[in-house]
Amino acid sequence: MHGDLGIDHGGMERASLRLTEHGDEFATALRHLRERAGAASWGDDGLFGAFVAAYNRCALTAVEAYAHLGGKVSDTGGALAVARRRVSDAEGDSGRQILRSHGETDVAWA
């Protein structure tokens, strides 16, 4: 085991893009489900009407829950991209600070 800390910037970027794409795919699939949910009908408005209405409400509730989940997947991809960018910026800033201070005497690190 060694003491180096670091991240795989390329891997993080690929993961963030994939999560964002997956969230978009999720949203597309849910659009189709949303169109179908609430449209269930067995051709009987009598006895089964109450069951069909309850089924439609359940289906729409599930679709909305899945939509929330898809949004979170996409948001996680965006947050991962921001985190990678911030780490990259911090690494660049600290590297520049070290290079700039090289050769200076009495450098105080806070």
C-alpha atoms as a PDB file:
ATOM      1  CA  MET A   1       0.000   0.000   0.000  1.00  0.00           C
ATOM      2  CA  HIS A   2       1.284   3.445  -0.823  1.00  0.00           C
ATOM      3  CA  GLY A   3       0.359   6.885   0.470  1.00  0.00           C
ATOM      4  CA  ASP A   4      -0.588   8.483  -2.842  1.00  0.00           C
ATOM      5  CA  LEU A   5      -4.061   9.885  -3.094  1.00  0.00           C
ATOM      6  CA  GLY A   6      -5.624  10.529  -6.428  1.00  0.00           C
ATOM      7  CA  ILE A   7      -8.599  10.018  -8.658  1.00  0.00           C
ATOM      8  CA  ASP A   8      -8.963   8.679 -12.144  1.00  0.00           C
ATOM      9  CA  HIS A   9     -10.254  11.792 -13.901  1.00  0.00           C
ATOM     10  CA  GLY A  10     -11.039   9.916 -17.103  1.00  0.00           C
ATOM     11  CA  GLY A  11     -12.972   7.254 -15.220  1.00  0.00           C
ATOM     12  CA  MET A  12     -14.936   9.840 -13.289  1.00  0.00           C
ATOM     13  CA  GLU A  13     -15.773  11.711 -16.461  1.00  0.00           C
ATOM     14  CA  ARG A  14     -16.957   8.523 -18.176  1.00  0.00           C
ATOM     15  CA  ALA A  15     -19.049   7.588 -15.130  1.00  0.00           C
ATOM     16  CA  SER A  16     -20.643  11.030 -14.912  1.00  0.00           C
ATOM     17  CA  LEU A  17     -21.520  10.968 -18.619  1.00  0.00           C
ATOM     18  CA  ARG A  18     -22.979   7.474 -18.310  1.00  0.00           C
ATOM     19  CA  LEU A  19     -25.098   8.412 -15.298  1.00  0.00           C
ATOM     20  CA  THR A  20     -26.410  11.480 -17.094  1.00  0.00           C
ATOM     21  CA  GLU A  21     -27.197   9.407 -20.196  1.00  0.00           C
ATOM     22  CA  HIS A  22     -28.879   6.754 -18.046  1.00  0.00           C
ATOM     23  CA  GLY A  23     -31.036   9.430 -16.401  1.00  0.00           C
ATOM     24  CA  ASP A  24     -32.058  10.692 -19.845  1.00  0.00           C
ATOM     25  CA  GLU A  25     -32.869   7.140 -21.005  1.00  0.00           C
ATOM     26  CA  PHE A  26     -34.904   6.669 -17.843  1.00  0.00           C
ATOM     27  CA  ALA A  27     -36.880   9.849 -18.590  1.00  0.00           C
ATOM     28  CA  THR A  28     -37.576   8.673 -22.147  1.00  0.00           C
ATOM     29  CA  ALA A  29     -38.834   5.296 -20.959  1.00  0.00           C
ATOM     30  CA  LEU A  30     -41.040   6.987 -18.372  1.00  0.00           C
ATOM     31  CA  ARG A  31     -42.636   9.213 -21.006  1.00  0.00           C
ATOM     32  CA  HIS A  32     -43.911   6.042 -22.685  1.00  0.00           C
ATOM     33  CA  LEU A  33     -45.126   4.608 -19.365  1.00  0.00           C
ATOM     34  CA  ARG A  34     -46.816   7.880 -18.487  1.00  0.00           C
ATOM     35  CA  GLU A  35     -48.702   7.771 -21.793  1.00  0.00           C
ATOM     36  CA  ARG A  36     -49.905   4.238 -21.060  1.00  0.00           C
ATOM     37  CA  ALA A  37     -50.612   4.716 -17.342  1.00  0.00           C
ATOM     38  CA  GLY A  38     -54.119   5.878 -16.731  1.00  0.00           C
ATOM     39  CA  ALA A  39     -55.301   4.407 -20.010  1.00  0.00           C
ATOM     40  CA  ALA A  40     -56.140   0.955 -18.698  1.00  0.00           C
ATOM     41  CA  SER A  41     -59.625  -0.112 -19.593  1.00  0.00           C
ATOM     42  CA  TRP A  42     -61.246  -3.491 -19.752  1.00  0.00           C
ATOM     43  CA  GLY A  43     -64.311  -2.227 -21.549  1.00  0.00           C
ATOM     44  CA  ASP A  44     -66.482  -2.250 -18.444  1.00  0.00           C
ATOM     45  CA  ASP A  45     -67.419   0.914 -16.609  1.00  0.00           C
ATOM     46  CA  GLY A  46     -69.677  -0.933 -14.199  1.00  0.00           C
ATOM     47  CA  LEU A  47     -68.337  -3.319 -11.595  1.00  0.00           C
ATOM     48  CA  PHE A  48     -64.699  -3.115 -12.731  1.00  0.00           C
ATOM     49  CA  GLY A  49     -64.705   0.683 -13.081  1.00  0.00           C
ATOM     50  CA  ALA A  50     -63.600   1.201  -9.476  1.00  0.00           C
ATOM     51  CA  PHE A  51     -60.796  -1.356  -9.862  1.00  0.00           C
ATOM     52  CA  VAL A  52     -59.624   0.222 -13.112  1.00  0.00           C
ATOM     53  CA  ALA A  53     -59.578   3.683 -11.500  1.00  0.00           C
ATOM     54  CA  ALA A  54     -57.561   2.381  -8.532  1.00  0.00           C
ATOM     55  CA  TYR A  55     -55.153   0.579 -10.877  1.00  0.00           C
ATOM     56  CA  ASN A  56     -54.666   3.750 -12.925  1.00  0.00           C
ATOM     57  CA  ARG A  57     -53.924   5.808  -9.788  1.00  0.00           C
ATOM     58  CA  CYS A  58     -51.361   3.202  -8.644  1.00  0.00           C
ATOM     59  CA  ALA A  59     -49.722   3.122 -12.059  1.00  0.00           C
ATOM     60  CA  LEU A  60     -49.434   6.919 -12.191  1.00  0.00           C
ATOM     61  CA  THR A  61     -48.013   7.015  -8.647  1.00  0.00           C
ATOM     62  CA  ALA A  62     -45.352   4.445  -9.598  1.00  0.00           C
ATOM     63  CA  VAL A  63     -44.446   6.394 -12.745  1.00  0.00           C
ATOM     64  CA  GLU A  64     -44.004   9.591 -10.722  1.00  0.00           C
ATOM     65  CA  ALA A  65     -41.786   7.763  -8.201  1.00  0.00           C
ATOM     66  CA  TYR A  66     -39.665   6.378 -11.039  1.00  0.00           C
ATOM     67  CA  ALA A  67     -39.453   9.837 -12.594  1.00  0.00           C
ATOM     68  CA  HIS A  68     -38.039  11.159  -9.328  1.00  0.00           C
ATOM     69  CA  LEU A  69     -35.502   8.328  -9.264  1.00  0.00           C
ATOM     70  CA  GLY A  70     -34.454   9.021 -12.873  1.00  0.00           C
ATOM     71  CA  GLY A  71     -33.950  12.680 -12.031  1.00  0.00           C
ATOM     72  CA  LYS A  72     -31.720  11.742  -9.119  1.00  0.00           C
ATOM     73  CA  VAL A  73     -29.620   9.465 -11.348  1.00  0.00           C
ATOM     74  CA  SER A  74     -29.125  12.321 -13.801  1.00  0.00           C
ATOM     75  CA  ASP A  75     -28.386  14.779 -10.973  1.00  0.00           C
ATOM     76  CA  THR A  76     -25.776  12.377  -9.576  1.00  0.00           C
ATOM     77  CA  GLY A  77     -24.046  12.301 -12.964  1.00  0.00           C
ATOM     78  CA  GLY A  78     -23.942  16.100 -13.019  1.00  0.00           C
ATOM     79  CA  ALA A  79     -22.647  16.252  -9.440  1.00  0.00           C
ATOM     80  CA  LEU A  80     -19.922  13.725 -10.255  1.00  0.00           C
ATOM     81  CA  ALA A  81     -18.809  15.903 -13.185  1.00  0.00           C
ATOM     82  CA  VAL A  82     -18.680  18.966 -10.918  1.00  0.00           C
ATOM     83  CA  ALA A  83     -16.687  17.063  -8.277  1.00  0.00           C
ATOM     84  CA  ARG A  84     -14.175  15.874 -10.876  1.00  0.00           C
ATOM     85  CA  ARG A  85     -13.787  19.391 -12.225  1.00  0.00           C
ATOM     86  CA  ARG A  86     -13.280  20.853  -8.731  1.00  0.00           C
ATOM     87  CA  VAL A  87     -10.661  18.248  -7.816  1.00  0.00           C
ATOM     88  CA  SER A  88      -8.876  18.894 -11.099  1.00  0.00           C
ATOM     89  CA  ASP A  89      -8.924  22.653 -10.463  1.00  0.00           C
ATOM     90  CA  ALA A  90      -7.663  22.164  -6.900  1.00  0.00           C
ATOM     91  CA  GLU A  91      -4.838  19.925  -8.102  1.00  0.00           C
ATOM     92  CA  GLY A  92      -3.844  22.523 -10.680  1.00  0.00           C
ATOM     93  CA  ASP A  93      -4.004  25.366  -8.157  1.00  0.00           C
ATOM     94  CA  SER A  94      -1.957  23.512  -5.542  1.00  0.00           C
ATOM     95  CA  GLY A  95       0.599  22.476  -8.166  1.00  0.00           C
ATOM     96  CA  ARG A  96       1.004  26.077  -9.285  1.00  0.00           C
ATOM     97  CA  GLN A  97       1.379  27.213  -5.670  1.00  0.00           C
ATOM     98  CA  ILE A  98       4.095  24.629  -5.031  1.00  0.00           C
ATOM     99  CA  LEU A  99       5.969  25.602  -8.190  1.00  0.00           C
ATOM    100  CA  ARG A 100       5.675  29.284  -7.350  1.00  0.00           C
ATOM    101  CA  SER A 101       6.975  28.749  -3.815  1.00  0.00           C
ATOM    102  CA  HIS A 102       9.856  26.525  -4.893  1.00  0.00           C
ATOM    103  CA  GLY A 103      13.066  28.222  -3.924  1.00  0.00           C
ATOM    104  CA  GLU A 104      11.427  30.746  -1.591  1.00  0.00           C
ATOM    105  CA  THR A 105      12.620  30.717   1.981  1.00  0.00           C
ATOM    106  CA  ASP A 106      10.400  30.873   5.030  1.00  0.00           C
ATOM    107  CA  VAL A 107       7.275  29.712   3.187  1.00  0.00           C
ATOM    108  CA  ALA A 108       4.401  29.232   5.607  1.00  0.00           C
ATOM    109  CA  TRP A 109       1.725  26.687   4.716  1.00  0.00           C
ATOM    110  CA  ALA A 110      -1.667  27.170   6.267  1.00  0.00           C
END
